[in-house]
Amino acid sequence: MMFSEEERHAWVKSTHDEQRALVAQDADTFFVPPYVGPSGWVGVVIHAVDREEMQELVTEAWRLTAPKRLLASFDEAAG
């Protein structure tokens, strides 16, 4: 996860499919960021999403990079 200098936008790791779906759903809130966008990352206008949506985006971004054992432990603890 990365933030813009003004911390108005966050860039979160995503899949290309999820990136396309989010941008198509709401192009005022989600965008393809420079540099990392071609790798599937998605930009988010922070003030335009609620806490639950941001938490879901960050959790999914973490899941894409977490080691398998850590991910299994996380899923087990979550029930």
N, C-alpha and C. Protein backbone atom coordinates (compact mmCIF):
# COMPACT_ATOMS: atom_id res chain seq x y z
N MET A 1 0.85 -1.17 0.00
CA MET A 1 0.00 0.00 0.00
C MET A 1 0.89 1.23 0.00
N MET A 2 0.52 2.20 -0.80
CA MET A 2 1.25 3.45 -0.89
C MET A 2 0.26 4.60 -0.80
N PHE A 3 0.75 5.75 -0.34
CA PHE A 3 -0.09 6.94 -0.25
C PHE A 3 0.50 8.04 -1.12
N SER A 4 -0.35 8.93 -1.63
CA SER A 4 0.13 10.11 -2.34
C SER A 4 0.77 11.05 -1.32
N GLU A 5 1.52 12.03 -1.82
CA GLU A 5 2.18 12.97 -0.91
C GLU A 5 1.19 13.67 -0.01
N GLU A 6 0.04 14.01 -0.53
CA GLU A 6 -0.97 14.72 0.25
C GLU A 6 -1.84 13.76 1.05
N GLU A 7 -1.60 12.46 0.88
CA GLU A 7 -2.37 11.40 1.54
C GLU A 7 -3.86 11.48 1.22
N ARG A 8 -4.17 11.88 -0.01
CA ARG A 8 -5.56 11.91 -0.47
C ARG A 8 -5.91 10.64 -1.24
N HIS A 9 -4.87 9.96 -1.70
CA HIS A 9 -5.06 8.73 -2.48
C HIS A 9 -4.21 7.62 -1.88
N ALA A 10 -4.73 6.42 -1.98
CA ALA A 10 -3.95 5.23 -1.60
C ALA A 10 -3.87 4.35 -2.84
N TRP A 11 -2.76 3.66 -2.99
CA TRP A 11 -2.60 2.68 -4.06
C TRP A 11 -2.48 1.33 -3.38
N VAL A 12 -3.34 0.40 -3.76
CA VAL A 12 -3.33 -0.92 -3.14
C VAL A 12 -3.15 -2.00 -4.20
N LYS A 13 -2.40 -3.02 -3.82
CA LYS A 13 -2.18 -4.14 -4.72
C LYS A 13 -3.51 -4.83 -4.97
N SER A 14 -3.72 -5.24 -6.21
CA SER A 14 -4.96 -5.88 -6.60
C SER A 14 -4.69 -6.80 -7.77
N THR A 15 -5.71 -7.46 -8.25
CA THR A 15 -5.59 -8.23 -9.48
C THR A 15 -6.06 -7.35 -10.63
N HIS A 16 -5.68 -7.71 -11.83
CA HIS A 16 -6.14 -6.93 -12.99
C HIS A 16 -7.67 -6.96 -13.09
N ASP A 17 -8.27 -8.11 -12.83
CA ASP A 17 -9.73 -8.22 -12.90
C ASP A 17 -10.41 -7.31 -11.88
N GLU A 18 -9.91 -7.33 -10.65
CA GLU A 18 -10.49 -6.48 -9.61
C GLU A 18 -10.28 -5.00 -9.93
N GLN A 19 -9.10 -4.67 -10.43
CA GLN A 19 -8.81 -3.29 -10.81
C GLN A 19 -9.82 -2.81 -11.86
N ARG A 20 -10.01 -3.61 -12.91
CA ARG A 20 -10.96 -3.23 -13.97
C ARG A 20 -12.38 -3.09 -13.42
N ALA A 21 -12.78 -4.02 -12.56
CA ALA A 21 -14.14 -3.98 -12.00
C ALA A 21 -14.35 -2.73 -11.14
N LEU A 22 -13.38 -2.40 -10.30
CA LEU A 22 -13.52 -1.23 -9.43
C LEU A 22 -13.57 0.06 -10.23
N VAL A 23 -12.68 0.19 -11.22
CA VAL A 23 -12.65 1.41 -12.04
C VAL A 23 -13.95 1.53 -12.84
N ALA A 24 -14.45 0.41 -13.37
CA ALA A 24 -15.70 0.43 -14.13
C ALA A 24 -16.89 0.77 -13.23
N GLN A 25 -16.83 0.31 -12.00
CA GLN A 25 -17.92 0.54 -11.03
C GLN A 25 -18.01 2.01 -10.62
N ASP A 26 -16.84 2.65 -10.39
CA ASP A 26 -16.85 4.03 -9.89
C ASP A 26 -15.51 4.70 -10.22
N ALA A 27 -15.45 5.30 -11.40
CA ALA A 27 -14.21 5.92 -11.86
C ALA A 27 -13.87 7.20 -11.11
N ASP A 28 -14.80 7.74 -10.34
CA ASP A 28 -14.49 8.92 -9.52
C ASP A 28 -13.77 8.53 -8.23
N THR A 29 -13.89 7.28 -7.83
CA THR A 29 -13.28 6.79 -6.59
C THR A 29 -12.05 5.94 -6.85
N PHE A 30 -12.09 5.14 -7.91
CA PHE A 30 -11.01 4.19 -8.21
C PHE A 30 -10.36 4.55 -9.54
N PHE A 31 -9.04 4.36 -9.62
CA PHE A 31 -8.32 4.70 -10.84
C PHE A 31 -7.09 3.81 -10.98
N VAL A 32 -6.54 3.80 -12.19
CA VAL A 32 -5.31 3.05 -12.45
C VAL A 32 -4.15 4.01 -12.19
N PRO A 33 -3.36 3.75 -11.14
CA PRO A 33 -2.28 4.67 -10.80
C PRO A 33 -1.09 4.53 -11.75
N PRO A 34 -0.30 5.61 -11.87
CA PRO A 34 0.90 5.51 -12.69
C PRO A 34 1.90 4.53 -12.08
N TYR A 35 2.80 4.05 -12.92
CA TYR A 35 3.89 3.15 -12.52
C TYR A 35 3.42 1.76 -12.14
N VAL A 36 2.58 1.61 -11.13
CA VAL A 36 2.19 0.29 -10.64
C VAL A 36 0.84 -0.18 -11.19
N GLY A 37 0.10 0.70 -11.83
CA GLY A 37 -1.20 0.34 -12.40
C GLY A 37 -1.13 -0.82 -13.37
N PRO A 38 -0.14 -0.86 -14.28
CA PRO A 38 -0.05 -1.98 -15.20
C PRO A 38 0.17 -3.34 -14.51
N SER A 39 0.56 -3.31 -13.25
CA SER A 39 0.74 -4.56 -12.49
C SER A 39 -0.52 -4.95 -11.73
N GLY A 40 -1.60 -4.19 -11.90
CA GLY A 40 -2.86 -4.53 -11.27
C GLY A 40 -3.23 -3.69 -10.05
N TRP A 41 -2.33 -2.83 -9.62
CA TRP A 41 -2.65 -1.99 -8.46
C TRP A 41 -3.82 -1.07 -8.82
N VAL A 42 -4.55 -0.66 -7.80
CA VAL A 42 -5.67 0.25 -8.00
C VAL A 42 -5.51 1.45 -7.08
N GLY A 43 -5.80 2.62 -7.61
CA GLY A 43 -5.78 3.83 -6.80
C GLY A 43 -7.15 4.07 -6.20
N VAL A 44 -7.16 4.61 -4.98
CA VAL A 44 -8.40 4.86 -4.26
C VAL A 44 -8.38 6.29 -3.72
N VAL A 45 -9.45 7.03 -3.96
CA VAL A 45 -9.62 8.34 -3.34
C VAL A 45 -10.09 8.07 -1.91
N ILE A 46 -9.24 8.33 -0.94
CA ILE A 46 -9.48 7.90 0.44
C ILE A 46 -10.79 8.42 1.01
N HIS A 47 -11.09 9.69 0.82
CA HIS A 47 -12.31 10.25 1.42
C HIS A 47 -13.59 9.72 0.78
N ALA A 48 -13.48 9.01 -0.35
CA ALA A 48 -14.66 8.53 -1.07
C ALA A 48 -15.09 7.11 -0.68
N VAL A 49 -14.31 6.45 0.17
CA VAL A 49 -14.67 5.09 0.59
C VAL A 49 -14.84 5.07 2.11
N ASP A 50 -15.71 4.18 2.57
CA ASP A 50 -15.89 4.08 4.01
C ASP A 50 -14.84 3.14 4.60
N ARG A 51 -14.81 3.09 5.90
CA ARG A 51 -13.80 2.32 6.62
C ARG A 51 -13.83 0.84 6.25
N GLU A 52 -15.03 0.26 6.14
CA GLU A 52 -15.15 -1.16 5.82
C GLU A 52 -14.60 -1.48 4.44
N GLU A 53 -14.89 -0.61 3.47
CA GLU A 53 -14.40 -0.85 2.11
C GLU A 53 -12.88 -0.74 2.06
N MET A 54 -12.32 0.26 2.75
CA MET A 54 -10.86 0.40 2.77
C MET A 54 -10.23 -0.79 3.47
N GLN A 55 -10.84 -1.26 4.55
CA GLN A 55 -10.31 -2.43 5.25
C GLN A 55 -10.31 -3.65 4.33
N GLU A 56 -11.36 -3.82 3.57
CA GLU A 56 -11.44 -4.94 2.63
C GLU A 56 -10.36 -4.84 1.55
N LEU A 57 -10.16 -3.64 1.02
CA LEU A 57 -9.13 -3.44 -0.01
C LEU A 57 -7.74 -3.74 0.54
N VAL A 58 -7.45 -3.26 1.74
CA VAL A 58 -6.14 -3.48 2.35
C VAL A 58 -5.94 -4.96 2.69
N THR A 59 -6.97 -5.60 3.20
CA THR A 59 -6.87 -7.02 3.54
C THR A 59 -6.62 -7.85 2.28
N GLU A 60 -7.34 -7.56 1.22
CA GLU A 60 -7.14 -8.31 -0.03
C GLU A 60 -5.75 -8.05 -0.61
N ALA A 61 -5.27 -6.82 -0.50
CA ALA A 61 -3.91 -6.51 -0.96
C ALA A 61 -2.89 -7.32 -0.17
N TRP A 62 -3.07 -7.39 1.13
CA TRP A 62 -2.17 -8.17 1.98
C TRP A 62 -2.22 -9.64 1.60
N ARG A 63 -3.42 -10.17 1.34
CA ARG A 63 -3.59 -11.58 0.99
C ARG A 63 -2.82 -11.93 -0.29
N LEU A 64 -2.69 -10.98 -1.19
CA LEU A 64 -1.98 -11.22 -2.45
C LEU A 64 -0.47 -11.35 -2.25
N THR A 65 0.04 -10.86 -1.14
CA THR A 65 1.49 -10.88 -0.92
C THR A 65 1.93 -11.69 0.29
N ALA A 66 1.00 -12.06 1.14
CA ALA A 66 1.36 -12.78 2.38
C ALA A 66 1.87 -14.18 2.07
N PRO A 67 2.86 -14.65 2.83
CA PRO A 67 3.32 -16.03 2.69
C PRO A 67 2.16 -17.00 2.98
N LYS A 68 2.16 -18.14 2.31
CA LYS A 68 1.06 -19.10 2.42
C LYS A 68 0.81 -19.54 3.86
N ARG A 69 1.86 -19.78 4.63
CA ARG A 69 1.68 -20.23 6.01
C ARG A 69 1.02 -19.14 6.87
N LEU A 70 1.44 -17.92 6.67
CA LEU A 70 0.85 -16.81 7.41
C LEU A 70 -0.62 -16.62 7.01
N LEU A 71 -0.89 -16.74 5.74
CA LEU A 71 -2.26 -16.63 5.25
C LEU A 71 -3.15 -17.73 5.83
N ALA A 72 -2.63 -18.95 5.88
CA ALA A 72 -3.39 -20.07 6.46
C ALA A 72 -3.67 -19.82 7.94
N SER A 73 -2.69 -19.30 8.66
CA SER A 73 -2.85 -18.99 10.07
C SER A 73 -3.89 -17.89 10.27
N PHE A 74 -3.84 -16.89 9.43
CA PHE A 74 -4.80 -15.79 9.48
C PHE A 74 -6.22 -16.30 9.24
N ASP A 75 -6.38 -17.12 8.20
CA ASP A 75 -7.70 -17.66 7.87
C ASP A 75 -8.23 -18.56 8.99
N GLU A 76 -7.34 -19.33 9.60
CA GLU A 76 -7.74 -20.21 10.70
C GLU A 76 -8.22 -19.39 11.90
N ALA A 77 -7.49 -18.34 12.21
CA ALA A 77 -7.85 -17.49 13.35
C ALA A 77 -9.16 -16.74 13.09
N ALA A 78 -9.41 -16.41 11.83
CA ALA A 78 -10.63 -15.68 11.48
C ALA A 78 -11.86 -16.59 11.50
N GLY A 79 -11.61 -17.89 11.47
CA GLY A 79 -12.73 -18.84 11.55
C GLY A 79 -13.24 -19.14 10.22
